[in-house]
C-alpha atoms as a PDB file:
ATOM      1  CA  GLN A   1     202.069 310.870  96.674  1.00  0.00           C
ATOM      2  CA  VAL A   2     199.672 313.786  98.642  1.00  0.00           C
ATOM      3  CA  GLN A   3     201.139 317.274  98.827  1.00  0.00           C
ATOM      4  CA  LEU A   4     200.235 319.269 102.129  1.00  0.00           C
ATOM      5  CA  VAL A   5     200.402 323.306 101.995  1.00  0.00           C
ATOM      6  CA  GLU A   6     199.940 324.992 105.444  1.00  0.00           C
ATOM      7  CA  SER A   7     199.310 328.724 105.708  1.00  0.00           C
ATOM      8  CA  GLY A   8     197.977 331.157 108.242  1.00  0.00           C
ATOM      9  CA  GLY A   9     200.978 331.526 110.332  1.00  0.00           C
ATOM     10  CA  GLY A  10     202.464 334.900 111.621  1.00  0.00           C
ATOM     11  CA  LEU A  11     203.213 337.286 114.714  1.00  0.00           C
ATOM     12  CA  VAL A  12     200.466 337.701 117.076  1.00  0.00           C
ATOM     13  CA  GLN A  13     200.336 339.044 120.505  1.00  0.00           C
ATOM     14  CA  PRO A  14     199.351 336.962 123.719  1.00  0.00           C
ATOM     15  CA  GLY A  15     195.806 336.494 123.910  1.00  0.00           C
ATOM     16  CA  GLY A  16     195.459 337.078 120.350  1.00  0.00           C
ATOM     17  CA  SER A  17     194.088 334.194 117.667  1.00  0.00           C
ATOM     18  CA  LEU A  18     195.077 332.698 114.503  1.00  0.00           C
ATOM     19  CA  ARG A  19     193.573 330.205 112.198  1.00  0.00           C
ATOM     20  CA  LEU A  20     196.108 327.940 110.392  1.00  0.00           C
ATOM     21  CA  SER A  21     195.026 325.878 107.117  1.00  0.00           C
ATOM     22  CA  CYS A  22     196.136 322.611 105.504  1.00  0.00           C
ATOM     23  CA  ALA A  23     195.246 322.263 101.908  1.00  0.00           C
ATOM     24  CA  ALA A  24     195.892 318.815 100.330  1.00  0.00           C
ATOM     25  CA  SER A  25     196.058 317.467  96.873  1.00  0.00           C
ATOM     26  CA  ALA A  26     195.019 314.057  97.626  1.00  0.00           C
ATOM     27  CA  GLY A  27     191.959 312.706  95.703  1.00  0.00           C
ATOM     28  CA  MET A  28     190.648 310.939  98.627  1.00  0.00           C
ATOM     29  CA  PHE A  29     191.796 312.946 101.405  1.00  0.00           C
ATOM     30  CA  SER A  30     188.325 312.443 103.233  1.00  0.00           C
ATOM     31  CA  MET A  31     189.780 309.091 104.066  1.00  0.00           C
ATOM     32  CA  TYR A  32     192.989 310.378 105.941  1.00  0.00           C
ATOM     33  CA  ASN A  33     193.579 311.165 109.657  1.00  0.00           C
ATOM     34  CA  VAL A  34     194.925 314.552 109.776  1.00  0.00           C
ATOM     35  CA  GLY A  35     196.979 315.902 112.560  1.00  0.00           C
ATOM     36  CA  TRP A  36     198.594 319.426 113.646  1.00  0.00           C
ATOM     37  CA  TYR A  37     202.179 319.002 115.145  1.00  0.00           C
ATOM     38  CA  LEU A  38     204.553 321.610 116.405  1.00  0.00           C
ATOM     39  CA  GLN A  39     207.995 321.804 116.881  1.00  0.00           C
ATOM     40  CA  THR A  40     210.470 323.865 118.857  1.00  0.00           C
ATOM     41  CA  PRO A  41     214.393 324.229 118.262  1.00  0.00           C
ATOM     42  CA  GLY A  42     216.051 321.242 119.451  1.00  0.00           C
ATOM     43  CA  LYS A  43     212.799 319.395 120.140  1.00  0.00           C
ATOM     44  CA  GLN A  44     210.928 316.579 118.464  1.00  0.00           C
ATOM     45  CA  ARG A  45     207.651 317.205 116.885  1.00  0.00           C
ATOM     46  CA  ALA A  46     204.739 316.971 119.276  1.00  0.00           C
ATOM     47  CA  LEU A  47     201.017 316.314 118.256  1.00  0.00           C
ATOM     48  CA  VAL A  48     198.970 319.376 119.146  1.00  0.00           C
ATOM     49  CA  ALA A  49     195.504 318.112 117.553  1.00  0.00           C
ATOM     50  CA  GLN A  50     194.126 315.433 115.561  1.00  0.00           C
ATOM     51  CA  ILE A  51     190.695 314.670 113.334  1.00  0.00           C
ATOM     52  CA  THR A  52     190.313 311.033 112.251  1.00  0.00           C
ATOM     53  CA  ARG A  53     188.505 310.535 109.050  1.00  0.00           C
ATOM     54  CA  GLY A  54     185.256 310.147 110.984  1.00  0.00           C
ATOM     55  CA  GLY A  55     185.534 313.390 112.416  1.00  0.00           C
ATOM     56  CA  THR A  56     186.696 312.621 116.007  1.00  0.00           C
ATOM     57  CA  THR A  57     189.143 314.875 117.651  1.00  0.00           C
ATOM     58  CA  ASN A  58     191.658 314.800 120.179  1.00  0.00           C
ATOM     59  CA  TYR A  59     194.106 317.509 121.576  1.00  0.00           C
ATOM     60  CA  ALA A  60     197.190 317.833 123.613  1.00  0.00           C
ATOM     61  CA  THR A  61     196.501 318.868 127.441  1.00  0.00           C
ATOM     62  CA  SER A  62     198.146 322.216 126.805  1.00  0.00           C
ATOM     63  CA  VAL A  63     195.802 323.689 124.069  1.00  0.00           C
ATOM     64  CA  LYS A  64     192.248 321.931 125.212  1.00  0.00           C
ATOM     65  CA  GLY A  65     189.883 324.766 125.265  1.00  0.00           C
ATOM     66  CA  ARG A  66     192.250 326.903 123.257  1.00  0.00           C
ATOM     67  CA  PHE A  67     192.571 325.225 119.929  1.00  0.00           C
ATOM     68  CA  THR A  68     190.145 323.597 117.577  1.00  0.00           C
ATOM     69  CA  ILE A  69     190.895 321.271 114.788  1.00  0.00           C
ATOM     70  CA  SER A  70     188.091 320.719 112.034  1.00  0.00           C
ATOM     71  CA  ARG A  71     188.082 319.689 108.415  1.00  0.00           C
ATOM     72  CA  ASP A  72     186.340 320.753 105.137  1.00  0.00           C
ATOM     73  CA  ASN A  73     186.447 317.544 102.814  1.00  0.00           C
ATOM     74  CA  ALA A  74     184.997 319.376 100.056  1.00  0.00           C
ATOM     75  CA  LYS A  75     187.793 321.717 100.065  1.00  0.00           C
ATOM     76  CA  LYS A  76     190.258 319.195 101.010  1.00  0.00           C
ATOM     77  CA  THR A  77     191.408 321.381 104.068  1.00  0.00           C
ATOM     78  CA  VAL A  78     192.025 321.093 107.770  1.00  0.00           C
ATOM     79  CA  TYR A  79     192.037 323.829 109.851  1.00  0.00           C
ATOM     80  CA  LEU A  80     193.253 324.886 113.554  1.00  0.00           C
ATOM     81  CA  GLN A  81     191.741 327.558 115.110  1.00  0.00           C
ATOM     82  CA  MET A  82     194.098 328.955 117.797  1.00  0.00           C
ATOM     83  CA  ASN A  83     192.676 331.282 120.465  1.00  0.00           C
ATOM     84  CA  SER A  84     193.764 332.851 123.478  1.00  0.00           C
ATOM     85  CA  LEU A  85     197.437 332.275 122.259  1.00  0.00           C
ATOM     86  CA  LYS A  86     200.309 332.215 124.772  1.00  0.00           C
ATOM     87  CA  PRO A  87     204.086 332.755 124.365  1.00  0.00           C
ATOM     88  CA  GLU A  88     204.769 328.951 124.733  1.00  0.00           C
ATOM     89  CA  ASP A  89     202.648 328.083 121.841  1.00  0.00           C
ATOM     90  CA  THR A  90     205.548 329.592 119.698  1.00  0.00           C
ATOM     91  CA  ALA A  91     206.596 326.950 117.282  1.00  0.00           C
ATOM     92  CA  VAL A  92     206.649 326.024 113.605  1.00  0.00           C
ATOM     93  CA  TYR A  93     203.154 324.063 113.261  1.00  0.00           C
ATOM     94  CA  TYR A  94     203.213 321.023 110.849  1.00  0.00           C
ATOM     95  CA  CYS A  95     200.331 319.254 109.176  1.00  0.00           C
ATOM     96  CA  ASN A  96     200.110 315.536 108.771  1.00  0.00           C
ATOM     97  CA  ALA A  97     198.352 313.220 106.688  1.00  0.00           C
ATOM     98  CA  PHE A  98     198.039 309.449 107.644  1.00  0.00           C
ATOM     99  CA  TYR A  99     196.260 306.657 105.486  1.00  0.00           C
ATOM    100  CA  GLU A 100     195.393 303.507 107.802  1.00  0.00           C
ATOM    101  CA  LEU A 101     194.925 301.171 104.966  1.00  0.00           C
ATOM    102  CA  THR A 102     198.207 301.764 103.476  1.00  0.00           C
ATOM    103  CA  ASN A 103     200.342 303.482 106.246  1.00  0.00           C
ATOM    104  CA  ALA A 104     200.968 306.259 103.968  1.00  0.00           C
ATOM    105  CA  ASN A 105     202.192 309.287 106.013  1.00  0.00           C
ATOM    106  CA  TYR A 106     202.828 312.820 104.662  1.00  0.00           C
ATOM    107  CA  TRP A 107     203.925 316.110 105.987  1.00  0.00           C
ATOM    108  CA  GLY A 108     203.751 319.617 104.978  1.00  0.00           C
ATOM    109  CA  GLN A 109     206.335 322.059 104.969  1.00  0.00           C
ATOM    110  CA  GLY A 110     205.774 323.849 108.068  1.00  0.00           C
ATOM    111  CA  THR A 111     204.036 327.527 109.061  1.00  0.00           C
ATOM    112  CA  GLN A 112     205.701 329.718 111.789  1.00  0.00           C
ATOM    113  CA  VAL A 113     203.556 330.822 114.653  1.00  0.00           C
ATOM    114  CA  THR A 114     205.313 333.491 116.890  1.00  0.00           C
ATOM    115  CA  VAL A 115     203.481 334.764 119.915  1.00  0.00           C
ATOM    116  CA  SER A 116     204.956 337.925 121.455  1.00  0.00           C
ATOM    117  CA  SER A 117     204.507 341.008 122.654  1.00  0.00           C
END
């Protein structure tokens, strides 16, 4: 069982920045693909950014050039640097860890990001 704990959310003005963190309890966290998803009321979770165990990244079109995902395997933590935030980025952001060999899939509890003046 892997526990994921997100932090770093909050209220920020448009154009501002936040850095989200996802800390994992997994002993082999480096073997997991990790993604950040967002969810707004009444909608399904949508992928924002993903980083594979090999370090390959991909992003939703809406955040390319503004968000950066990175990982520190020694700290068992994945980060999402969010710059030039827009009101439409407002959502609950969830961290997901996926282990390909067993299809094990884990979610964190989410962290609220609100972009508003």
